[in-house]
Every structure is written in C-alpha cells, then in structure tokens.
PDB file of N, CA and C in Angstrom:
ATOM      1  N   MET A   1      32.182  18.179 -19.034  1.00  0.00           N
ATOM      2  CA  MET A   1      31.423  18.538 -18.193  1.00  0.00           C
ATOM      3  C   MET A   1      30.114  19.009 -19.402  1.00  0.00           C
ATOM      4  N   SER A   2      28.977  18.908 -19.163  1.00  0.00           N
ATOM      5  CA  SER A   2      28.107  19.193 -20.259  1.00  0.00           C
ATOM      6  C   SER A   2      27.361  20.598 -19.402  1.00  0.00           C
ATOM      7  N   ILE A   3      27.261  21.353 -20.840  1.00  0.00           N
ATOM      8  CA  ILE A   3      26.242  22.686 -19.754  1.00  0.00           C
ATOM      9  C   ILE A   3      24.981  22.593 -19.034  1.00  0.00           C
ATOM     10  N   SER A   4      24.428  21.481 -19.145  1.00  0.00           N
ATOM     11  CA  SER A   4      23.266  21.669 -18.013  1.00  0.00           C
ATOM     12  C   SER A   4      24.391  21.102 -16.780  1.00  0.00           C
ATOM     13  N   SER A   5      25.330  20.234 -16.588  1.00  0.00           N
ATOM     14  CA  SER A   5      26.005  20.050 -15.705  1.00  0.00           C
ATOM     15  C   SER A   5      26.864  21.324 -14.433  1.00  0.00           C
ATOM     16  N   ILE A   6      27.105  22.229 -15.619  1.00  0.00           N
ATOM     17  CA  ILE A   6      27.914  23.312 -15.326  1.00  0.00           C
ATOM     18  C   ILE A   6      26.522  24.059 -14.957  1.00  0.00           C
ATOM     19  N   ILE A   7      25.308  24.185 -15.307  1.00  0.00           N
ATOM     20  CA  ILE A   7      24.281  25.440 -14.816  1.00  0.00           C
ATOM     21  C   ILE A   7      23.748  24.745 -13.406  1.00  0.00           C
ATOM     22  N   LEU A   8      23.932  23.192 -13.227  1.00  0.00           N
ATOM     23  CA  LEU A   8      23.340  22.908 -11.994  1.00  0.00           C
ATOM     24  C   LEU A   8      24.100  22.525 -10.576  1.00  0.00           C
ATOM     25  N   LEU A   9      25.900  22.972 -10.983  1.00  0.00           N
ATOM     26  CA  LEU A   9      26.610  23.095 -10.175  1.00  0.00           C
ATOM     27  C   LEU A   9      26.902  24.755  -9.780  1.00  0.00           C
ATOM     28  N   VAL A  10      26.293  25.188 -10.947  1.00  0.00           N
ATOM     29  CA  VAL A  10      26.512  27.077 -10.209  1.00  0.00           C
ATOM     30  C   VAL A  10      24.695  27.239  -9.897  1.00  0.00           C
ATOM     31  N   GLU A  11      23.719  26.417  -9.686  1.00  0.00           N
ATOM     32  CA  GLU A  11      22.491  26.974  -8.918  1.00  0.00           C
ATOM     33  C   GLU A  11      22.774  26.185  -7.700  1.00  0.00           C
ATOM     34  N   LYS A  12      24.054  24.869  -7.355  1.00  0.00           N
ATOM     35  CA  LYS A  12      23.633  24.468  -6.106  1.00  0.00           C
ATOM     36  C   LYS A  12      24.916  24.917  -5.772  1.00  0.00           C
ATOM     37  N   ARG A  13      25.733  26.027  -5.466  1.00  0.00           N
ATOM     38  CA  ARG A  13      26.904  26.541  -5.712  1.00  0.00           C
ATOM     39  C   ARG A  13      26.998  26.527  -3.902  1.00  0.00           C
ATOM     40  N   ASN A  14      25.990  27.391  -3.673  1.00  0.00           N
ATOM     41  CA  ASN A  14      26.314  27.898  -1.765  1.00  0.00           C
ATOM     42  C   ASN A  14      25.370  27.307  -1.370  1.00  0.00           C
ATOM     43  N   ILE A  15      24.828  26.021  -0.919  1.00  0.00           N
ATOM     44  CA  ILE A  15      24.181  25.171  -0.483  1.00  0.00           C
ATOM     45  C   ILE A  15      23.918  24.832   1.060  1.00  0.00           C
ATOM     46  N   VAL A  16      25.602  25.473   1.503  1.00  0.00           N
ATOM     47  CA  VAL A  16      25.354  25.119   2.846  1.00  0.00           C
ATOM     48  C   VAL A  16      25.208  26.319   3.587  1.00  0.00           C
ATOM     49  N   GLY A  17      25.091  27.189   2.960  1.00  0.00           N
ATOM     50  CA  GLY A  17      24.127  28.285   3.574  1.00  0.00           C
ATOM     51  C   GLY A  17      22.488  28.551   4.157  1.00  0.00           C
ATOM     52  N   ILE A  18      21.903  27.752   3.331  1.00  0.00           N
ATOM     53  CA  ILE A  18      20.070  27.156   3.130  1.00  0.00           C
ATOM     54  C   ILE A  18      20.473  26.204   4.547  1.00  0.00           C
ATOM     55  N   ARG A  19      21.198  25.258   4.306  1.00  0.00           N
ATOM     56  CA  ARG A  19      20.989  24.368   5.484  1.00  0.00           C
ATOM     57  C   ARG A  19      21.757  24.575   6.982  1.00  0.00           C
ATOM     58  N   VAL A  20      22.881  26.034   7.041  1.00  0.00           N
ATOM     59  CA  VAL A  20      22.907  26.612   8.284  1.00  0.00           C
ATOM     60  C   VAL A  20      21.510  26.900   8.841  1.00  0.00           C
ATOM     61  N   ARG A  21      20.892  27.621   8.237  1.00  0.00           N
ATOM     62  CA  ARG A  21      19.804  28.520   8.861  1.00  0.00           C
ATOM     63  C   ARG A  21      18.676  27.390   8.870  1.00  0.00           C
ATOM     64  N   GLN A  22      18.679  26.363   8.056  1.00  0.00           N
ATOM     65  CA  GLN A  22      17.583  25.711   8.683  1.00  0.00           C
ATOM     66  C   GLN A  22      17.915  24.170   9.956  1.00  0.00           C
ATOM     67  N   ALA A  23      19.612  23.939   9.948  1.00  0.00           N
ATOM     68  CA  ALA A  23      19.469  23.758  11.268  1.00  0.00           C
ATOM     69  C   ALA A  23      19.895  24.651  12.426  1.00  0.00           C
ATOM     70  N   ARG A  24      19.884  25.882  12.348  1.00  0.00           N
ATOM     71  CA  ARG A  24      19.589  27.262  13.561  1.00  0.00           C
ATOM     72  C   ARG A  24      18.564  26.838  14.152  1.00  0.00           C
ATOM     73  N   LYS A  25      17.231  27.050  12.865  1.00  0.00           N
ATOM     74  CA  LYS A  25      15.956  27.170  13.281  1.00  0.00           C
ATOM     75  C   LYS A  25      15.302  26.078  13.510  1.00  0.00           C
ATOM     76  N   ALA A  26      15.685  24.730  13.359  1.00  0.00           N
ATOM     77  CA  ALA A  26      15.328  23.535  13.781  1.00  0.00           C
ATOM     78  C   ALA A  26      15.779  22.918  15.351  1.00  0.00           C
ATOM     79  N   ALA A  27      17.168  23.337  15.612  1.00  0.00           N
ATOM     80  CA  ALA A  27      17.823  23.352  16.970  1.00  0.00           C
ATOM     81  C   ALA A  27      16.294  23.566  17.514  1.00  0.00           C
ATOM     82  N   LYS A  28      16.729  22.889  19.309  1.00  0.00           N
ATOM     83  CA  LYS A  28      15.849  23.161  20.265  1.00  0.00           C
ATOM     84  C   LYS A  28      16.391  23.568  21.601  1.00  0.00           C
ATOM     85  N   PRO A  29      16.077  24.358  22.037  1.00  0.00           N
ATOM     86  CA  PRO A  29      15.589  25.305  21.118  1.00  0.00           C
ATOM     87  C   PRO A  29      16.250  26.039  20.126  1.00  0.00           C
ATOM     88  N   SER A  30      16.187  27.258  19.380  1.00  0.00           N
ATOM     89  CA  SER A  30      16.454  27.787  18.278  1.00  0.00           C
ATOM     90  C   SER A  30      17.789  28.338  18.410  1.00  0.00           C
ATOM     91  N   ILE A  31      18.657  28.304  17.405  1.00  0.00           N
ATOM     92  CA  ILE A  31      19.730  29.413  18.092  1.00  0.00           C
ATOM     93  C   ILE A  31      20.082  31.088  16.691  1.00  0.00           C
ATOM     94  N   THR A  32      20.307  31.353  17.606  1.00  0.00           N
ATOM     95  CA  THR A  32      20.070  32.645  16.880  1.00  0.00           C
ATOM     96  C   THR A  32      21.327  32.320  16.085  1.00  0.00           C
ATOM     97  N   GLN A  33      21.790  33.892  15.203  1.00  0.00           N
ATOM     98  CA  GLN A  33      22.416  34.259  14.595  1.00  0.00           C
ATOM     99  C   GLN A  33      24.213  34.957  15.397  1.00  0.00           C
ATOM    100  N   SER A  34      23.617  35.319  16.992  1.00  0.00           N
ATOM    101  CA  SER A  34      24.352  35.399  17.526  1.00  0.00           C
ATOM    102  C   SER A  34      25.052  34.551  18.549  1.00  0.00           C
ATOM    103  N   ASP A  35      24.082  33.390  18.602  1.00  0.00           N
ATOM    104  CA  ASP A  35      24.272  32.411  19.041  1.00  0.00           C
ATOM    105  C   ASP A  35      25.345  31.367  18.734  1.00  0.00           C
ATOM    106  N   LEU A  36      25.324  31.469  17.146  1.00  0.00           N
ATOM    107  CA  LEU A  36      26.257  30.711  16.476  1.00  0.00           C
ATOM    108  C   LEU A  36      27.549  31.249  16.412  1.00  0.00           C
ATOM    109  N   ILE A  37      27.389  32.527  16.477  1.00  0.00           N
ATOM    110  CA  ILE A  37      28.649  33.654  16.135  1.00  0.00           C
ATOM    111  C   ILE A  37      29.353  32.958  17.325  1.00  0.00           C
ATOM    112  N   ALA A  38      28.885  33.108  18.483  1.00  0.00           N
ATOM    113  CA  ALA A  38      29.553  32.451  20.265  1.00  0.00           C
ATOM    114  C   ALA A  38      29.947  31.337  20.240  1.00  0.00           C
ATOM    115  N   ARG A  39      29.119  30.276  19.566  1.00  0.00           N
ATOM    116  CA  ARG A  39      29.623  29.053  19.251  1.00  0.00           C
ATOM    117  C   ARG A  39      30.678  28.814  18.360  1.00  0.00           C
ATOM    118  N   LEU A  40      31.109  29.421  17.494  1.00  0.00           N
ATOM    119  CA  LEU A  40      32.020  29.523  16.434  1.00  0.00           C
ATOM    120  C   LEU A  40      32.779  29.950  17.185  1.00  0.00           C
ATOM    121  N   GLN A  41      33.421  31.138  17.726  1.00  0.00           N
ATOM    122  CA  GLN A  41      34.101  31.956  18.370  1.00  0.00           C
ATOM    123  C   GLN A  41      34.514  31.158  19.259  1.00  0.00           C
ATOM    124  N   LEU A  42      34.053  29.762  20.371  1.00  0.00           N
ATOM    125  CA  LEU A  42      34.319  29.139  20.779  1.00  0.00           C
ATOM    126  C   LEU A  42      35.349  28.023  20.285  1.00  0.00           C
ATOM    127  N   LEU A  43      35.249  27.855  19.322  1.00  0.00           N
ATOM    128  CA  LEU A  43      35.723  27.005  18.295  1.00  0.00           C
ATOM    129  C   LEU A  43      36.842  27.315  17.906  1.00  0.00           C
ATOM    130  N   ASP A  44      37.491  28.851  17.356  1.00  0.00           N
ATOM    131  CA  ASP A  44      38.741  29.864  17.388  1.00  0.00           C
ATOM    132  C   ASP A  44      38.037  29.820  15.821  1.00  0.00           C
ATOM    133  N   MET A  45      37.027  29.914  15.630  1.00  0.00           N
ATOM    134  CA  MET A  45      36.073  30.404  14.245  1.00  0.00           C
ATOM    135  C   MET A  45      35.551  31.783  14.087  1.00  0.00           C
ATOM    136  N   SER A  46      36.149  32.874  13.342  1.00  0.00           N
ATOM    137  CA  SER A  46      36.056  33.937  13.255  1.00  0.00           C
ATOM    138  C   SER A  46      34.857  34.421  11.986  1.00  0.00           C
ATOM    139  N   ILE A  47      33.449  34.628  12.538  1.00  0.00           N
ATOM    140  CA  ILE A  47      32.129  35.067  11.155  1.00  0.00           C
ATOM    141  C   ILE A  47      31.725  36.254  12.146  1.00  0.00           C
ATOM    142  N   ASP A  48      31.327  37.047  11.347  1.00  0.00           N
ATOM    143  CA  ASP A  48      30.666  37.934  11.750  1.00  0.00           C
ATOM    144  C   ASP A  48      29.426  37.982  11.639  1.00  0.00           C
ATOM    145  N   GLN A  49      28.355  38.737  12.417  1.00  0.00           N
ATOM    146  CA  GLN A  49      27.030  38.832  11.981  1.00  0.00           C
ATOM    147  C   GLN A  49      26.859  38.734  10.443  1.00  0.00           C
ATOM    148  N   SER A  50      27.392  40.029  10.034  1.00  0.00           N
ATOM    149  CA  SER A  50      27.238  40.516   8.341  1.00  0.00           C
ATOM    150  C   SER A  50      27.685  39.297   7.433  1.00  0.00           C
ATOM    151  N   GLY A  51      28.974  38.732   8.192  1.00  0.00           N
ATOM    152  CA  GLY A  51      29.362  37.282   7.265  1.00  0.00           C
ATOM    153  C   GLY A  51      27.930  36.071   7.418  1.00  0.00           C
ATOM    154  N   LEU A  52      28.358  35.764   8.149  1.00  0.00           N
ATOM    155  CA  LEU A  52      27.043  34.562   8.619  1.00  0.00           C
ATOM    156  C   LEU A  52      25.686  35.215   7.768  1.00  0.00           C
ATOM    157  N   SER A  53      24.950  36.315   7.931  1.00  0.00           N
ATOM    158  CA  SER A  53      24.033  36.500   7.264  1.00  0.00           C
ATOM    159  C   SER A  53      24.210  36.145   5.690  1.00  0.00           C
ATOM    160  N   LYS A  54      25.690  36.738   5.275  1.00  0.00           N
ATOM    161  CA  LYS A  54      25.799  36.266   3.577  1.00  0.00           C
ATOM    162  C   LYS A  54      26.052  35.125   3.135  1.00  0.00           C
ATOM    163  N   ILE A  55      26.639  34.016   4.511  1.00  0.00           N
ATOM    164  CA  ILE A  55      26.514  32.743   4.257  1.00  0.00           C
ATOM    165  C   ILE A  55      25.360  31.885   4.009  1.00  0.00           C
ATOM    166  N   GLU A  56      24.272  32.701   4.231  1.00  0.00           N
ATOM    167  CA  GLU A  56      22.805  32.048   4.813  1.00  0.00           C
ATOM    168  C   GLU A  56      21.877  32.360   3.399  1.00  0.00           C
ATOM    169  N   ASN A  57      22.401  33.527   3.337  1.00  0.00           N
ATOM    170  CA  ASN A  57      21.892  33.920   1.886  1.00  0.00           C
ATOM    171  C   ASN A  57      22.301  33.468   0.891  1.00  0.00           C
ATOM    172  N   GLY A  58      23.534  33.111   1.172  1.00  0.00           N
ATOM    173  CA  GLY A  58      23.752  32.169  -0.505  1.00  0.00           C
ATOM    174  C   GLY A  58      24.648  33.519  -1.057  1.00  0.00           C
ATOM    175  N   GLN A  59      25.229  34.505  -0.692  1.00  0.00           N
ATOM    176  CA  GLN A  59      26.311  35.665  -1.231  1.00  0.00           C
ATOM    177  C   GLN A  59      27.511  35.566  -0.958  1.00  0.00           C
ATOM    178  N   ARG A  60      28.150  34.549   0.495  1.00  0.00           N
ATOM    179  CA  ARG A  60      29.586  34.339   0.286  1.00  0.00           C
ATOM    180  C   ARG A  60      29.374  33.052   0.322  1.00  0.00           C
ATOM    181  N   PRO A  61      30.818  32.511  -0.373  1.00  0.00           N
ATOM    182  CA  PRO A  61      31.074  30.903  -0.347  1.00  0.00           C
ATOM    183  C   PRO A  61      31.444  30.588   1.414  1.00  0.00           C
ATOM    184  N   VAL A  62      31.830  29.290   1.492  1.00  0.00           N
ATOM    185  CA  VAL A  62      32.103  29.340   2.596  1.00  0.00           C
ATOM    186  C   VAL A  62      33.512  27.907   2.653  1.00  0.00           C
ATOM    187  N   THR A  63      34.700  28.188   3.495  1.00  0.00           N
ATOM    188  CA  THR A  63      35.534  27.467   3.477  1.00  0.00           C
ATOM    189  C   THR A  63      35.494  26.037   4.106  1.00  0.00           C
ATOM    190  N   ASP A  64      35.930  25.110   3.305  1.00  0.00           N
ATOM    191  CA  ASP A  64      35.856  24.046   3.821  1.00  0.00           C
ATOM    192  C   ASP A  64      36.200  23.879   5.527  1.00  0.00           C
ATOM    193  N   ILE A  65      37.159  24.410   5.959  1.00  0.00           N
ATOM    194  CA  ILE A  65      37.312  24.745   7.374  1.00  0.00           C
ATOM    195  C   ILE A  65      35.940  25.100   8.403  1.00  0.00           C
ATOM    196  N   GLU A  66      35.210  26.222   7.602  1.00  0.00           N
ATOM    197  CA  GLU A  66      34.039  27.058   8.370  1.00  0.00           C
ATOM    198  C   GLU A  66      33.035  25.284   8.436  1.00  0.00           C
ATOM    199  N   VAL A  67      33.339  24.878   7.040  1.00  0.00           N
ATOM    200  CA  VAL A  67      32.208  24.072   6.708  1.00  0.00           C
ATOM    201  C   VAL A  67      32.675  23.043   7.695  1.00  0.00           C
ATOM    202  N   PHE A  68      33.396  22.648   8.545  1.00  0.00           N
ATOM    203  CA  PHE A  68      33.911  21.595  10.196  1.00  0.00           C
ATOM    204  C   PHE A  68      32.661  22.537  11.579  1.00  0.00           C
ATOM    205  N   ALA A  69      33.342  23.957  11.131  1.00  0.00           N
ATOM    206  CA  ALA A  69      33.258  24.388  12.312  1.00  0.00           C
ATOM    207  C   ALA A  69      31.783  24.634  12.588  1.00  0.00           C
ATOM    208  N   LEU A  70      31.023  25.117  11.478  1.00  0.00           N
ATOM    209  CA  LEU A  70      29.896  25.135  11.357  1.00  0.00           C
ATOM    210  C   LEU A  70      29.391  23.953  11.603  1.00  0.00           C
ATOM    211  N   ALA A  71      29.513  22.917  11.378  1.00  0.00           N
ATOM    212  CA  ALA A  71      29.170  21.438  11.453  1.00  0.00           C
ATOM    213  C   ALA A  71      29.017  21.493  12.815  1.00  0.00           C
ATOM    214  N   LYS A  72      29.958  21.273  13.663  1.00  0.00           N
ATOM    215  CA  LYS A  72      30.619  21.097  14.747  1.00  0.00           C
ATOM    216  C   LYS A  72      29.224  22.113  15.660  1.00  0.00           C
ATOM    217  N   ALA A  73      29.247  23.440  15.670  1.00  0.00           N
ATOM    218  CA  ALA A  73      28.678  24.109  16.316  1.00  0.00           C
ATOM    219  C   ALA A  73      26.686  23.972  16.470  1.00  0.00           C
ATOM    220  N   LEU A  74      26.497  23.620  15.046  1.00  0.00           N
ATOM    221  CA  LEU A  74      25.335  23.799  14.963  1.00  0.00           C
ATOM    222  C   LEU A  74      24.956  21.784  15.491  1.00  0.00           C
ATOM    223  N   LYS A  75      25.801  21.176  15.687  1.00  0.00           N
ATOM    224  CA  LYS A  75      25.946  19.637  15.770  1.00  0.00           C
ATOM    225  C   LYS A  75      25.006  18.777  15.000  1.00  0.00           C
ATOM    226  N   VAL A  76      25.198  19.452  13.970  1.00  0.00           N
ATOM    227  CA  VAL A  76      24.807  17.940  12.463  1.00  0.00           C
ATOM    228  C   VAL A  76      26.688  17.812  11.792  1.00  0.00           C
ATOM    229  N   THR A  77      25.957  17.162  10.878  1.00  0.00           N
ATOM    230  CA  THR A  77      27.897  16.640  10.232  1.00  0.00           C
ATOM    231  C   THR A  77      27.876  17.490   8.952  1.00  0.00           C
ATOM    232  N   GLU A  78      29.455  16.849   8.788  1.00  0.00           N
ATOM    233  CA  GLU A  78      29.628  18.188   7.262  1.00  0.00           C
ATOM    234  C   GLU A  78      28.923  17.528   6.139  1.00  0.00           C
ATOM    235  N   GLU A  79      28.392  16.063   6.215  1.00  0.00           N
ATOM    236  CA  GLU A  79      28.009  15.357   5.056  1.00  0.00           C
ATOM    237  C   GLU A  79      26.886  16.180   4.581  1.00  0.00           C
ATOM    238  N   TRP A  80      25.699  15.976   5.645  1.00  0.00           N
ATOM    239  CA  TRP A  80      24.615  16.951   5.545  1.00  0.00           C
ATOM    240  C   TRP A  80      24.624  18.141   5.143  1.00  0.00           C
ATOM    241  N   LEU A  81      25.174  19.105   5.949  1.00  0.00           N
ATOM    242  CA  LEU A  81      25.898  20.745   5.568  1.00  0.00           C
ATOM    243  C   LEU A  81      26.044  20.519   3.804  1.00  0.00           C
ATOM    244  N   LEU A  82      26.931  19.627   2.808  1.00  0.00           N
ATOM    245  CA  LEU A  82      27.453  19.502   2.414  1.00  0.00           C
ATOM    246  C   LEU A  82      26.460  18.935   0.954  1.00  0.00           C
ATOM    247  N   LYS A  83      25.643  18.129   1.502  1.00  0.00           N
ATOM    248  CA  LYS A  83      25.033  17.331   0.362  1.00  0.00           C
ATOM    249  C   LYS A  83      23.005  16.602   0.893  1.00  0.00           C
ATOM    250  N   GLY A  84      23.096  17.655   2.082  1.00  0.00           N
ATOM    251  CA  GLY A  84      22.100  17.273   2.545  1.00  0.00           C
ATOM    252  C   GLY A  84      21.583  15.811   2.273  1.00  0.00           C
ATOM    253  N   THR A  85      22.581  14.847   2.530  1.00  0.00           N
ATOM    254  CA  THR A  85      22.116  13.624   2.869  1.00  0.00           C
ATOM    255  C   THR A  85      22.997  12.954   4.256  1.00  0.00           C
ATOM    256  N   GLY A  86      22.530  11.699   4.027  1.00  0.00           N
ATOM    257  CA  GLY A  86      23.353  11.227   5.814  1.00  0.00           C
ATOM    258  C   GLY A  86      22.099  11.901   6.914  1.00  0.00           C
ATOM    259  N   ASN A  87      22.819  11.419   8.254  1.00  0.00           N
ATOM    260  CA  ASN A  87      21.674  11.686   9.246  1.00  0.00           C
ATOM    261  C   ASN A  87      21.838  13.096   9.290  1.00  0.00           C
ATOM    262  N   PRO A  88      21.174  14.477   9.560  1.00  0.00           N
ATOM    263  CA  PRO A  88      21.794  15.389  10.256  1.00  0.00           C
ATOM    264  C   PRO A  88      22.258  15.765  11.434  1.00  0.00           C
ATOM    265  N   SER A  89      21.810  14.597  12.859  1.00  0.00           N
ATOM    266  CA  SER A  89      23.071  14.854  13.737  1.00  0.00           C
ATOM    267  C   SER A  89      24.074  14.592  14.232  1.00  0.00           C
ATOM    268  N   GLY A  90      25.017  15.381  14.759  1.00  0.00           N
ATOM    269  CA  GLY A  90      26.371  15.341  14.575  1.00  0.00           C
ATOM    270  C   GLY A  90      26.957  14.368  15.629  1.00  0.00           C
TER     271      GLY A  90
END
C-alpha cells in the first residue's frame, strides 16, 4: 500500500459520523440526537448523547453492529453510511 493510499484512508477513517449527521438533518421532520438515541434504544443499541456527538464529529469510531443499527434507525442503507454510494433510502 502506498503512502498516499494510507493518508487517504486516515483522512476518511470516520466518514460514517458525517453521514449520520447528514441523514438526521435531511430527514423530514429532522431527527434530533435525542430522537436518534431513543430509536437506537428500541433496537437494543446503547449510545449516549456524548457518544453520538463524538461519532458525528469523527472523534469516536463506529463498530459494524452500530453501523447496522444507525442505518436502520435513520432509514438509510449501510452502503450509503459506509461509502456514500447507492440510494440513501433504506
């Protein structure tokens, strides 16, 4: 793997958080962090407000199971959360 490839991976290491925020704000009506946390709790996923804020700001990594729960709670696809490709509607 080249140095430029590694740098690109590091720069894009937590793009899920950016898309979580985009999906929350694009929802009609928009979804607050508290709303999203409540939806995640219904899916047996426990992320508190601090954790969600850190995810959205790229300060906390997201596990694979969290990606699936976030996608379901936000009604978007996992592919869109991870890659930004495909139809965002889940």
